[in-house]
Amino acid sequence: LVAGRCASTTHIAQASSRVTAQALAMGEAAGIL
């Protein structure tokens, strides 16, 4: 699994999803999975 700024997004979408709060949220989901 991946989580944080290396997650599967496009170049421009990542410019939104890469920030701290979303990294925390993605990480929690990845840990559960």
PDB file of all heavy atoms in Angstrom:
ATOM      1  N   LEU A   1       0.840  -1.194   0.000  1.00  0.00           N
ATOM      2  CA  LEU A   1       0.000   0.000   0.000  1.00  0.00           C
ATOM      3  C   LEU A   1       0.874   1.243   0.000  1.00  0.00           C
ATOM      4  O   LEU A   1       2.031   1.201   0.447  1.00  0.00           O
ATOM      5  CB  LEU A   1      -0.905   0.019   1.239  1.00  0.00           C
ATOM      6  CG  LEU A   1      -1.856  -1.173   1.420  1.00  0.00           C
ATOM      7  CD1 LEU A   1      -2.473  -1.133   2.809  1.00  0.00           C
ATOM      8  CD2 LEU A   1      -2.935  -1.139   0.350  1.00  0.00           C
ATOM      9  N   VAL A   2       0.315   2.337  -0.473  1.00  0.00           N
ATOM     10  CA  VAL A   2       0.981   3.639  -0.380  1.00  0.00           C
ATOM     11  C   VAL A   2       0.007   4.626   0.257  1.00  0.00           C
ATOM     12  O   VAL A   2      -1.208   4.473   0.160  1.00  0.00           O
ATOM     13  CB  VAL A   2       1.428   4.173  -1.758  1.00  0.00           C
ATOM     14  CG1 VAL A   2       2.594   3.388  -2.300  1.00  0.00           C
ATOM     15  CG2 VAL A   2       0.268   4.189  -2.748  1.00  0.00           C
ATOM     16  N   ALA A   3       0.549   5.638   0.901  1.00  0.00           N
ATOM     17  CA  ALA A   3      -0.276   6.717   1.465  1.00  0.00           C
ATOM     18  C   ALA A   3       0.576   7.964   1.569  1.00  0.00           C
ATOM     19  O   ALA A   3       1.792   7.894   1.707  1.00  0.00           O
ATOM     20  CB  ALA A   3      -0.829   6.326   2.838  1.00  0.00           C
ATOM     21  N   GLY A   4      -0.083   9.133   1.502  1.00  0.00           N
ATOM     22  CA  GLY A   4       0.643  10.393   1.536  1.00  0.00           C
ATOM     23  C   GLY A   4       0.861  10.932   0.139  1.00  0.00           C
ATOM     24  O   GLY A   4       0.094  10.646  -0.780  1.00  0.00           O
ATOM     25  N   ARG A   5       1.925  11.695  -0.053  1.00  0.00           N
ATOM     26  CA  ARG A   5       2.103  12.384  -1.332  1.00  0.00           C
ATOM     27  C   ARG A   5       2.463  11.454  -2.481  1.00  0.00           C
ATOM     28  O   ARG A   5       2.394  11.850  -3.646  1.00  0.00           O
ATOM     29  CB  ARG A   5       3.121  13.510  -1.212  1.00  0.00           C
ATOM     30  CG  ARG A   5       4.550  13.104  -0.928  1.00  0.00           C
ATOM     31  CD  ARG A   5       5.446  14.362  -0.902  1.00  0.00           C
ATOM     32  NE  ARG A   5       6.780  14.074  -0.435  1.00  0.00           N
ATOM     33  CZ  ARG A   5       7.778  13.651  -1.201  1.00  0.00           C
ATOM     34  NH1 ARG A   5       7.560  13.447  -2.483  1.00  0.00           N
ATOM     35  NH2 ARG A   5       8.976  13.425  -0.698  1.00  0.00           N
ATOM     36  N   CYS A   6       2.849  10.200  -2.192  1.00  0.00           N
ATOM     37  CA  CYS A   6       3.154   9.261  -3.276  1.00  0.00           C
ATOM     38  C   CYS A   6       1.935   8.432  -3.674  1.00  0.00           C
ATOM     39  O   CYS A   6       2.045   7.515  -4.497  1.00  0.00           O
ATOM     40  CB  CYS A   6       4.312   8.340  -2.901  1.00  0.00           C
ATOM     41  SG  CYS A   6       4.046   7.325  -1.428  1.00  0.00           S
ATOM     42  N   ALA A   7       0.759   8.720  -3.128  1.00  0.00           N
ATOM     43  CA  ALA A   7      -0.454   7.983  -3.483  1.00  0.00           C
ATOM     44  C   ALA A   7      -0.812   8.218  -4.941  1.00  0.00           C
ATOM     45  O   ALA A   7      -0.297   9.117  -5.601  1.00  0.00           O
ATOM     46  CB  ALA A   7      -1.609   8.392  -2.568  1.00  0.00           C
ATOM     47  N   SER A   8      -1.740   7.414  -5.439  1.00  0.00           N
ATOM     48  CA  SER A   8      -2.058   7.378  -6.865  1.00  0.00           C
ATOM     49  C   SER A   8      -2.993   8.520  -7.268  1.00  0.00           C
ATOM     50  O   SER A   8      -4.211   8.450  -7.099  1.00  0.00           O
ATOM     51  CB  SER A   8      -2.694   6.028  -7.208  1.00  0.00           C
ATOM     52  OG  SER A   8      -2.990   5.939  -8.571  1.00  0.00           O
ATOM     53  N   THR A   9      -2.400   9.583  -7.804  1.00  0.00           N
ATOM     54  CA  THR A   9      -3.149  10.755  -8.269  1.00  0.00           C
ATOM     55  C   THR A   9      -2.466  11.289  -9.519  1.00  0.00           C
ATOM     56  O   THR A   9      -1.359  10.883  -9.864  1.00  0.00           O
ATOM     57  CB  THR A   9      -3.167  11.881  -7.218  1.00  0.00           C
ATOM     58  OG1 THR A   9      -1.854  12.450  -7.123  1.00  0.00           O
ATOM     59  CG2 THR A   9      -3.599  11.377  -5.846  1.00  0.00           C
ATOM     60  N   THR A  10      -3.101  12.250 -10.161  1.00  0.00           N
ATOM     61  CA  THR A  10      -2.440  12.965 -11.242  1.00  0.00           C
ATOM     62  C   THR A  10      -1.550  14.066 -10.662  1.00  0.00           C
ATOM     63  O   THR A  10      -1.619  14.399  -9.470  1.00  0.00           O
ATOM     64  CB  THR A  10      -3.457  13.599 -12.198  1.00  0.00           C
ATOM     65  OG1 THR A  10      -4.217  14.587 -11.483  1.00  0.00           O
ATOM     66  CG2 THR A  10      -4.381  12.550 -12.795  1.00  0.00           C
ATOM     67  N   HIS A  11      -0.749  14.638 -11.546  1.00  0.00           N
ATOM     68  CA  HIS A  11       0.184  15.709 -11.196  1.00  0.00           C
ATOM     69  C   HIS A  11      -0.523  16.868 -10.492  1.00  0.00           C
ATOM     70  O   HIS A  11      -0.074  17.348  -9.443  1.00  0.00           O
ATOM     71  CB  HIS A  11       0.844  16.172 -12.501  1.00  0.00           C
ATOM     72  CG  HIS A  11       1.734  17.359 -12.414  1.00  0.00           C
ATOM     73  ND1 HIS A  11       2.773  17.466 -11.521  1.00  0.00           N
ATOM     74  CD2 HIS A  11       1.756  18.510 -13.161  1.00  0.00           C
ATOM     75  CE1 HIS A  11       3.393  18.620 -11.710  1.00  0.00           C
ATOM     76  NE2 HIS A  11       2.795  19.265 -12.695  1.00  0.00           N
ATOM     77  N   ILE A  12      -1.650  17.322 -11.029  1.00  0.00           N
ATOM     78  CA  ILE A  12      -2.349  18.479 -10.459  1.00  0.00           C
ATOM     79  C   ILE A  12      -3.196  18.087  -9.259  1.00  0.00           C
ATOM     80  O   ILE A  12      -3.253  18.817  -8.260  1.00  0.00           O
ATOM     81  CB  ILE A  12      -3.203  19.183 -11.530  1.00  0.00           C
ATOM     82  CG1 ILE A  12      -2.311  19.698 -12.670  1.00  0.00           C
ATOM     83  CG2 ILE A  12      -3.989  20.337 -10.930  1.00  0.00           C
ATOM     84  CD1 ILE A  12      -1.257  20.696 -12.247  1.00  0.00           C
ATOM     85  N   ALA A  13      -3.848  16.929  -9.294  1.00  0.00           N
ATOM     86  CA  ALA A  13      -4.637  16.490  -8.134  1.00  0.00           C
ATOM     87  C   ALA A  13      -3.758  16.360  -6.902  1.00  0.00           C
ATOM     88  O   ALA A  13      -4.169  16.679  -5.777  1.00  0.00           O
ATOM     89  CB  ALA A  13      -5.331  15.162  -8.445  1.00  0.00           C
ATOM     90  N   GLN A  14      -2.526  15.922  -7.089  1.00  0.00           N
ATOM     91  CA  GLN A  14      -1.606  15.749  -5.963  1.00  0.00           C
ATOM     92  C   GLN A  14      -1.272  17.072  -5.294  1.00  0.00           C
ATOM     93  O   GLN A  14      -0.942  17.105  -4.102  1.00  0.00           O
ATOM     94  CB  GLN A  14      -0.328  15.047  -6.454  1.00  0.00           C
ATOM     95  CG  GLN A  14       0.599  14.570  -5.357  1.00  0.00           C
ATOM     96  CD  GLN A  14       1.759  15.512  -5.115  1.00  0.00           C
ATOM     97  OE1 GLN A  14       1.796  16.647  -5.601  1.00  0.00           O
ATOM     98  NE2 GLN A  14       2.725  15.063  -4.334  1.00  0.00           N
ATOM     99  N   ALA A  15      -1.379  18.171  -6.028  1.00  0.00           N
ATOM    100  CA  ALA A  15      -1.104  19.486  -5.451  1.00  0.00           C
ATOM    101  C   ALA A  15      -2.145  19.883  -4.419  1.00  0.00           C
ATOM    102  O   ALA A  15      -1.959  20.855  -3.683  1.00  0.00           O
ATOM    103  CB  ALA A  15      -1.028  20.543  -6.551  1.00  0.00           C
ATOM    104  N   SER A  16      -3.246  19.145  -4.336  1.00  0.00           N
ATOM    105  CA  SER A  16      -4.231  19.311  -3.268  1.00  0.00           C
ATOM    106  C   SER A  16      -4.111  18.210  -2.219  1.00  0.00           C
ATOM    107  O   SER A  16      -4.091  18.471  -1.020  1.00  0.00           O
ATOM    108  CB  SER A  16      -5.647  19.307  -3.848  1.00  0.00           C
ATOM    109  OG  SER A  16      -6.611  19.178  -2.826  1.00  0.00           O
ATOM    110  N   SER A  17      -3.998  16.966  -2.678  1.00  0.00           N
ATOM    111  CA  SER A  17      -4.094  15.819  -1.757  1.00  0.00           C
ATOM    112  C   SER A  17      -2.842  15.577  -0.938  1.00  0.00           C
ATOM    113  O   SER A  17      -2.869  14.786   0.009  1.00  0.00           O
ATOM    114  CB  SER A  17      -4.426  14.551  -2.551  1.00  0.00           C
ATOM    115  OG  SER A  17      -3.364  14.201  -3.421  1.00  0.00           O
ATOM    116  N   ARG A  18      -1.731  16.242  -1.261  1.00  0.00           N
ATOM    117  CA  ARG A  18      -0.454  15.942  -0.617  1.00  0.00           C
ATOM    118  C   ARG A  18      -0.297  16.524   0.783  1.00  0.00           C
ATOM    119  O   ARG A  18       0.672  16.208   1.480  1.00  0.00           O
ATOM    120  CB  ARG A  18       0.695  16.469  -1.483  1.00  0.00           C
ATOM    121  CG  ARG A  18       0.710  17.973  -1.613  1.00  0.00           C
ATOM    122  CD  ARG A  18       1.914  18.470  -2.413  1.00  0.00           C
ATOM    123  NE  ARG A  18       1.782  19.878  -2.752  1.00  0.00           N
ATOM    124  CZ  ARG A  18       2.024  20.888  -1.932  1.00  0.00           C
ATOM    125  NH1 ARG A  18       2.399  20.644  -0.680  1.00  0.00           N
ATOM    126  NH2 ARG A  18       1.882  22.136  -2.339  1.00  0.00           N
ATOM    127  N   VAL A  19      -1.215  17.371   1.239  1.00  0.00           N
ATOM    128  CA  VAL A  19      -0.987  18.107   2.484  1.00  0.00           C
ATOM    129  C   VAL A  19      -1.228  17.230   3.718  1.00  0.00           C
ATOM    130  O   VAL A  19      -1.751  16.115   3.639  1.00  0.00           O
ATOM    131  CB  VAL A  19      -1.835  19.389   2.547  1.00  0.00           C
ATOM    132  CG1 VAL A  19      -1.388  20.369   1.477  1.00  0.00           C
ATOM    133  CG2 VAL A  19      -3.317  19.078   2.400  1.00  0.00           C
ATOM    134  N   THR A  20      -0.850  17.753   4.891  1.00  0.00           N
ATOM    135  CA  THR A  20      -0.732  16.943   6.106  1.00  0.00           C
ATOM    136  C   THR A  20      -2.021  16.242   6.515  1.00  0.00           C
ATOM    137  O   THR A  20      -2.010  15.048   6.836  1.00  0.00           O
ATOM    138  CB  THR A  20      -0.249  17.821   7.271  1.00  0.00           C
ATOM    139  OG1 THR A  20       0.938  18.494   6.889  1.00  0.00           O
ATOM    140  CG2 THR A  20       0.020  16.973   8.507  1.00  0.00           C
ATOM    141  N   ALA A  21      -3.135  16.961   6.553  1.00  0.00           N
ATOM    142  CA  ALA A  21      -4.378  16.363   7.045  1.00  0.00           C
ATOM    143  C   ALA A  21      -4.805  15.179   6.186  1.00  0.00           C
ATOM    144  O   ALA A  21      -5.245  14.143   6.701  1.00  0.00           O
ATOM    145  CB  ALA A  21      -5.487  17.412   7.101  1.00  0.00           C
ATOM    146  N   GLN A  22      -4.675  15.313   4.863  1.00  0.00           N
ATOM    147  CA  GLN A  22      -5.056  14.210   3.980  1.00  0.00           C
ATOM    148  C   GLN A  22      -4.065  13.052   4.099  1.00  0.00           C
ATOM    149  O   GLN A  22      -4.457  11.890   3.994  1.00  0.00           O
ATOM    150  CB  GLN A  22      -5.155  14.703   2.533  1.00  0.00           C
ATOM    151  CG  GLN A  22      -6.454  15.421   2.221  1.00  0.00           C
ATOM    152  CD  GLN A  22      -6.684  16.661   3.084  1.00  0.00           C
ATOM    153  OE1 GLN A  22      -5.868  17.581   3.062  1.00  0.00           O
ATOM    154  NE2 GLN A  22      -7.774  16.686   3.847  1.00  0.00           N
ATOM    155  N   ALA A  23      -2.794  13.353   4.346  1.00  0.00           N
ATOM    156  CA  ALA A  23      -1.817  12.288   4.588  1.00  0.00           C
ATOM    157  C   ALA A  23      -2.182  11.495   5.843  1.00  0.00           C
ATOM    158  O   ALA A  23      -2.113  10.257   5.859  1.00  0.00           O
ATOM    159  CB  ALA A  23      -0.416  12.875   4.711  1.00  0.00           C
ATOM    160  N   LEU A  24      -2.587  12.204   6.897  1.00  0.00           N
ATOM    161  CA  LEU A  24      -3.024  11.524   8.122  1.00  0.00           C
ATOM    162  C   LEU A  24      -4.230  10.626   7.857  1.00  0.00           C
ATOM    163  O   LEU A  24      -4.286   9.484   8.320  1.00  0.00           O
ATOM    164  CB  LEU A  24      -3.366  12.551   9.198  1.00  0.00           C
ATOM    165  CG  LEU A  24      -2.190  13.283   9.849  1.00  0.00           C
ATOM    166  CD1 LEU A  24      -2.673  14.528  10.580  1.00  0.00           C
ATOM    167  CD2 LEU A  24      -1.453  12.358  10.820  1.00  0.00           C
ATOM    168  N   ALA A  25      -5.197  11.151   7.102  1.00  0.00           N
ATOM    169  CA  ALA A  25      -6.416  10.393   6.829  1.00  0.00           C
ATOM    170  C   ALA A  25      -6.134   9.176   5.953  1.00  0.00           C
ATOM    171  O   ALA A  25      -6.641   8.073   6.203  1.00  0.00           O
ATOM    172  CB  ALA A  25      -7.456  11.299   6.170  1.00  0.00           C
ATOM    173  N   MET A  26      -5.322   9.361   4.903  1.00  0.00           N
ATOM    174  CA  MET A  26      -4.957   8.224   4.057  1.00  0.00           C
ATOM    175  C   MET A  26      -4.176   7.184   4.846  1.00  0.00           C
ATOM    176  O   MET A  26      -4.377   5.972   4.681  1.00  0.00           O
ATOM    177  CB  MET A  26      -4.124   8.700   2.866  1.00  0.00           C
ATOM    178  CG  MET A  26      -4.903   9.338   1.750  1.00  0.00           C
ATOM    179  SD  MET A  26      -3.839   9.648   0.301  1.00  0.00           S
ATOM    180  CE  MET A  26      -3.300  11.317   0.627  1.00  0.00           C
ATOM    181  N   GLY A  27      -3.265   7.648   5.696  1.00  0.00           N
ATOM    182  CA  GLY A  27      -2.474   6.721   6.496  1.00  0.00           C
ATOM    183  C   GLY A  27      -3.327   5.860   7.398  1.00  0.00           C
ATOM    184  O   GLY A  27      -3.094   4.646   7.527  1.00  0.00           O
ATOM    185  N   GLU A  28      -4.336   6.477   8.027  1.00  0.00           N
ATOM    186  CA  GLU A  28      -5.204   5.698   8.906  1.00  0.00           C
ATOM    187  C   GLU A  28      -5.928   4.598   8.129  1.00  0.00           C
ATOM    188  O   GLU A  28      -6.015   3.446   8.573  1.00  0.00           O
ATOM    189  CB  GLU A  28      -6.220   6.611   9.602  1.00  0.00           C
ATOM    190  CG  GLU A  28      -7.093   5.876  10.597  1.00  0.00           C
ATOM    191  CD  GLU A  28      -7.873   6.786  11.527  1.00  0.00           C
ATOM    192  OE1 GLU A  28      -7.847   8.030  11.317  1.00  0.00           O
ATOM    193  OE2 GLU A  28      -8.512   6.267  12.463  1.00  0.00           O
ATOM    194  N   ALA A  29      -6.420   4.927   6.944  1.00  0.00           N
ATOM    195  CA  ALA A  29      -7.097   3.927   6.112  1.00  0.00           C
ATOM    196  C   ALA A  29      -6.134   2.822   5.691  1.00  0.00           C
ATOM    197  O   ALA A  29      -6.479   1.628   5.710  1.00  0.00           O
ATOM    198  CB  ALA A  29      -7.709   4.592   4.886  1.00  0.00           C
ATOM    199  N   ALA A  30      -4.920   3.202   5.328  1.00  0.00           N
ATOM    200  CA  ALA A  30      -3.928   2.208   4.913  1.00  0.00           C
ATOM    201  C   ALA A  30      -3.575   1.269   6.057  1.00  0.00           C
ATOM    202  O   ALA A  30      -3.424   0.059   5.860  1.00  0.00           O
ATOM    203  CB  ALA A  30      -2.674   2.910   4.393  1.00  0.00           C
ATOM    204  N   GLY A  31      -3.446   1.813   7.262  1.00  0.00           N
ATOM    205  CA  GLY A  31      -3.125   0.974   8.420  1.00  0.00           C
ATOM    206  C   GLY A  31      -4.226  -0.016   8.732  1.00  0.00           C
ATOM    207  O   GLY A  31      -3.962  -1.177   9.086  1.00  0.00           O
ATOM    208  N   ILE A  32      -5.471   0.436   8.612  1.00  0.00           N
ATOM    209  CA  ILE A  32      -6.603  -0.461   8.848  1.00  0.00           C
ATOM    210  C   ILE A  32      -6.638  -1.554   7.794  1.00  0.00           C
ATOM    211  O   ILE A  32      -6.778  -2.755   8.110  1.00  0.00           O
ATOM    212  CB  ILE A  32      -7.925   0.328   8.858  1.00  0.00           C
ATOM    213  CG1 ILE A  32      -8.013   1.191  10.124  1.00  0.00           C
ATOM    214  CG2 ILE A  32      -9.129  -0.602   8.759  1.00  0.00           C
ATOM    215  CD1 ILE A  32      -9.140   2.193  10.113  1.00  0.00           C
ATOM    216  N   LEU A  33      -6.511  -1.174   6.524  1.00  0.00           N
ATOM    217  CA  LEU A  33      -6.523  -2.165   5.448  1.00  0.00           C
ATOM    218  C   LEU A  33      -5.374  -3.148   5.603  1.00  0.00           C
ATOM    219  O   LEU A  33      -5.550  -4.364   5.412  1.00  0.00           O
ATOM    220  CB  LEU A  33      -6.440  -1.449   4.099  1.00  0.00           C
ATOM    221  CG  LEU A  33      -6.348  -2.337   2.849  1.00  0.00           C
ATOM    222  CD1 LEU A  33      -7.498  -3.335   2.788  1.00  0.00           C
ATOM    223  CD2 LEU A  33      -6.316  -1.482   1.589  1.00  0.00           C
TER     224      LEU A  33
END
